[in-house]
């Protein structure tokens, strides 16, 4: 009789810990970008006056200028414009119209992703999208936002055109199925409905 050596139970696999250097790199890659520095807009004439006095080496003139100092104080007293973005790990930050817009978009995006995952029986995962102060200065923020909105507008326009073309093809196919000489109530009603739909989608 052969001696049977009992198999040792498989030990649970110890989670592999990433080296500190790799962990720092991963944290850096998924971390949200820093908030943009605050900027103010100055009139060109104001900057020219400042340069004249600086180049003349006269700091007293700058501090006692009756027009320049009140103007700069007024600029700094203007309320700060808070700009917001939506951020996800690996997905980057996307400028939004407002904080409310960012919150609504983030919530809708997460819900839509979970809905698609459930429909396709994908493995469970965790998706987190955060609302953060914009990482872009105002001009860059709104330029990027305009590009995003324009891209979305073009996408929706293409979908609308494709849907219109598909409807036209479907209506044409349905029209071909109807016999023009058929005067039964059912055929007449079908023709009336088809005419109304054709007029509405023209």
Protein backbone atom coordinates (compact mmCIF):
# COMPACT_ATOMS: atom_id res chain seq x y z
CA UNK A 1 0.00 0.00 0.00
CA UNK A 2 1.38 3.33 -1.02
CA UNK A 3 1.89 5.89 1.64
CA UNK A 4 -0.33 8.90 0.99
CA UNK A 5 1.16 12.17 2.03
CA UNK A 6 -1.59 14.50 3.22
CA UNK A 7 -1.65 17.78 1.42
CA UNK A 8 -1.05 20.82 3.49
CA UNK A 9 -3.88 23.33 3.43
CA UNK A 10 -3.13 26.26 1.19
CA UNK A 11 -2.10 29.25 3.18
CA UNK A 12 -3.97 32.49 2.43
CA UNK A 13 -1.97 34.74 0.17
CA UNK A 14 -0.48 37.69 1.95
CA UNK A 15 -1.41 40.95 0.25
CA UNK A 16 1.55 42.39 -1.59
CA UNK A 17 2.46 45.79 -0.31
CA UNK A 18 3.82 48.27 -2.79
CA UNK A 19 7.19 49.82 -2.06
CA UNK A 20 6.89 53.31 -0.57
CA UNK A 21 8.26 54.90 -3.75
CA UNK A 22 5.61 53.25 -5.95
CA UNK A 23 2.88 54.04 -3.44
CA UNK A 24 3.87 57.72 -3.53
CA UNK A 25 3.78 57.70 -7.32
CA UNK A 26 0.30 56.12 -7.32
CA UNK A 27 -0.96 58.62 -4.77
CA UNK A 28 0.42 61.43 -6.90
CA UNK A 29 -1.26 60.09 -10.05
CA UNK A 30 -4.74 59.80 -8.53
CA UNK A 31 -4.60 62.89 -6.31
CA UNK A 32 -6.70 65.88 -7.38
CA UNK A 33 -4.78 68.82 -8.81
CA UNK A 34 -4.02 71.80 -6.61
CA UNK A 35 -6.30 74.80 -6.61
CA UNK A 36 -5.29 77.47 -9.09
CA UNK A 37 -3.61 80.57 -7.75
CA UNK A 38 -5.89 83.57 -7.43
CA UNK A 39 -5.46 86.17 -10.17
CA UNK A 40 -6.74 89.69 -10.63
CA UNK A 41 -7.18 91.71 -13.81
CA UNK A 42 -5.53 95.13 -14.10
CA UNK A 43 -6.06 97.77 -16.74
CA UNK A 44 -3.10 98.31 -19.08
CA UNK A 45 -2.83 101.99 -18.09
CA UNK A 46 -2.46 100.92 -14.45
CA UNK A 47 0.38 98.55 -15.26
CA UNK A 48 2.08 101.26 -17.33
CA UNK A 49 1.94 103.70 -14.41
CA UNK A 50 3.44 101.11 -12.07
CA UNK A 51 6.25 100.35 -14.51
CA UNK A 52 7.05 104.05 -14.97
CA UNK A 53 7.49 104.57 -11.23
CA UNK A 54 9.38 101.30 -10.75
CA UNK A 55 11.76 102.05 -13.59
CA UNK A 56 12.30 105.51 -12.15
CA UNK A 57 13.22 103.90 -8.84
CA UNK A 58 10.67 105.94 -6.94
CA UNK A 59 8.68 103.66 -4.57
CA UNK A 60 7.29 106.72 -2.76
CA UNK A 61 5.52 107.81 -5.92
CA UNK A 62 3.84 104.41 -6.11
CA UNK A 63 2.59 104.50 -2.52
CA UNK A 64 1.26 108.07 -2.78
CA UNK A 65 -0.28 107.95 -6.26
CA UNK A 66 -3.79 109.39 -5.82
CA UNK A 67 -5.27 107.36 -8.68
CA UNK A 68 -3.26 104.18 -8.57
CA UNK A 69 -3.57 103.22 -4.89
CA UNK A 70 -7.39 103.51 -4.66
CA UNK A 71 -7.71 101.59 -7.91
CA UNK A 72 -5.55 98.72 -6.66
CA UNK A 73 -7.42 98.69 -3.34
CA UNK A 74 -10.71 98.45 -5.23
CA UNK A 75 -9.43 95.58 -7.37
CA UNK A 76 -8.35 93.61 -4.30
CA UNK A 77 -11.68 94.32 -2.60
CA UNK A 78 -13.67 92.69 -5.39
CA UNK A 79 -15.34 89.41 -4.36
CA UNK A 80 -13.41 86.28 -5.24
CA UNK A 81 -14.79 84.21 -8.08
CA UNK A 82 -14.97 80.58 -7.03
CA UNK A 83 -14.56 78.17 -9.92
CA UNK A 84 -15.22 74.45 -9.57
CA UNK A 85 -14.27 71.21 -11.28
CA UNK A 86 -15.20 67.53 -11.13
CA UNK A 87 -12.39 65.08 -10.42
CA UNK A 88 -12.03 61.30 -10.49
CA UNK A 89 -8.95 59.17 -9.91
CA UNK A 90 -7.48 58.40 -13.31
CA UNK A 91 -10.04 60.53 -15.09
CA UNK A 92 -8.55 63.93 -14.41
CA UNK A 93 -10.33 67.16 -13.53
CA UNK A 94 -13.04 68.71 -15.67
CA UNK A 95 -14.13 72.37 -15.35
CA UNK A 96 -17.78 72.93 -14.49
CA UNK A 97 -20.17 75.88 -14.75
CA UNK A 98 -20.74 76.03 -10.99
CA UNK A 99 -20.42 73.99 -7.82
CA UNK A 100 -24.02 72.84 -8.18
CA UNK A 101 -23.35 71.81 -11.78
CA UNK A 102 -20.29 69.85 -10.68
CA UNK A 103 -22.19 68.06 -7.88
CA UNK A 104 -25.11 67.13 -10.15
CA UNK A 105 -22.81 65.91 -12.93
CA UNK A 106 -20.67 63.87 -10.56
CA UNK A 107 -23.71 62.20 -9.01
CA UNK A 108 -25.29 61.46 -12.40
CA UNK A 109 -22.02 60.07 -13.77
CA UNK A 110 -21.50 57.71 -10.83
CA UNK A 111 -25.11 56.48 -11.00
CA UNK A 112 -24.83 55.93 -14.74
CA UNK A 113 -21.57 53.96 -14.39
CA UNK A 114 -23.07 51.69 -11.73
CA UNK A 115 -26.18 51.23 -13.87
CA UNK A 116 -24.11 50.16 -16.89
CA UNK A 117 -21.95 47.88 -14.73
CA UNK A 118 -25.02 46.15 -13.28
CA UNK A 119 -26.60 45.75 -16.71
CA UNK A 120 -23.44 44.11 -18.08
CA UNK A 121 -22.75 42.00 -14.96
CA UNK A 122 -19.37 43.62 -14.40
CA UNK A 123 -17.46 42.89 -11.18
CA UNK A 124 -18.16 45.17 -8.25
CA UNK A 125 -16.05 48.29 -8.15
CA UNK A 126 -15.90 51.57 -6.32
CA UNK A 127 -16.14 54.82 -8.23
CA UNK A 128 -15.71 58.14 -6.52
CA UNK A 129 -16.01 61.53 -8.14
CA UNK A 130 -15.24 64.64 -6.14
CA UNK A 131 -16.03 68.30 -6.54
CA UNK A 132 -12.89 70.39 -6.12
CA UNK A 133 -11.86 74.03 -6.59
CA UNK A 134 -10.75 74.53 -10.17
CA UNK A 135 -7.10 73.89 -10.92
CA UNK A 136 -7.22 76.42 -13.77
CA UNK A 137 -7.13 80.19 -13.80
CA UNK A 138 -10.40 81.85 -14.92
CA UNK A 139 -9.44 82.33 -18.59
CA UNK A 140 -8.14 78.75 -18.88
CA UNK A 141 -11.10 77.39 -16.93
CA UNK A 142 -13.72 78.90 -19.21
CA UNK A 143 -11.74 78.11 -22.35
CA UNK A 144 -11.56 74.44 -21.37
CA UNK A 145 -15.23 74.49 -20.39
CA UNK A 146 -16.17 76.01 -23.76
CA UNK A 147 -14.22 73.28 -25.57
CA UNK A 148 -16.00 70.60 -23.55
CA UNK A 149 -19.45 72.09 -24.16
CA UNK A 150 -18.72 72.53 -27.86
CA UNK A 151 -17.62 68.90 -28.17
CA UNK A 152 -20.78 67.75 -26.39
CA UNK A 153 -22.90 70.00 -28.60
CA UNK A 154 -21.37 68.47 -31.75
CA UNK A 155 -21.97 64.97 -30.37
CA UNK A 156 -25.62 65.70 -29.62
CA UNK A 157 -26.07 67.34 -33.01
CA UNK A 158 -24.70 64.24 -34.75
CA UNK A 159 -27.02 62.02 -32.70
CA UNK A 160 -29.99 64.19 -33.66
CA UNK A 161 -29.07 64.04 -37.35
CA UNK A 162 -28.56 60.27 -37.20
CA UNK A 163 -31.90 59.83 -35.45
CA UNK A 164 -33.66 61.99 -38.02
CA UNK A 165 -32.12 59.97 -40.85
CA UNK A 166 -33.09 56.70 -39.17
CA UNK A 167 -36.65 57.93 -38.71
CA UNK A 168 -36.81 58.92 -42.38
CA UNK A 169 -35.65 55.46 -43.45
CA UNK A 170 -38.16 53.79 -41.12
CA UNK A 171 -41.02 55.95 -42.38
CA UNK A 172 -40.06 55.21 -45.95
CA UNK A 173 -40.07 51.47 -45.20
CA UNK A 174 -43.47 51.69 -43.47
CA UNK A 175 -44.90 53.69 -46.34
CA UNK A 176 -43.79 51.00 -48.78
CA UNK A 177 -45.71 48.40 -46.76
CA UNK A 178 -49.01 50.26 -47.11
CA UNK A 179 -51.10 49.61 -50.18
CA UNK A 180 -52.26 52.91 -51.67
CA UNK A 181 -55.40 51.19 -52.98
CA UNK A 182 -56.31 49.75 -49.60
CA UNK A 183 -59.26 51.80 -48.30
CA UNK A 184 -60.09 49.73 -45.25
CA UNK A 185 -60.48 51.64 -41.98
CA UNK A 186 -57.31 50.10 -40.58
CA UNK A 187 -55.24 51.04 -43.62
CA UNK A 188 -56.72 54.55 -43.68
CA UNK A 189 -55.91 55.07 -39.99
CA UNK A 190 -52.37 53.77 -40.52
CA UNK A 191 -51.85 56.20 -43.42
CA UNK A 192 -53.10 59.12 -41.33
CA UNK A 193 -50.75 58.25 -38.47
CA UNK A 194 -47.86 57.87 -40.91
CA UNK A 195 -48.60 61.27 -42.46
CA UNK A 196 -48.66 62.94 -39.03
CA UNK A 197 -45.36 61.33 -37.99
CA UNK A 198 -43.76 62.26 -41.31
CA UNK A 199 -44.85 65.91 -40.90
CA UNK A 200 -43.59 66.01 -37.30
CA UNK A 201 -40.14 64.69 -38.21
CA UNK A 202 -39.70 66.73 -41.40
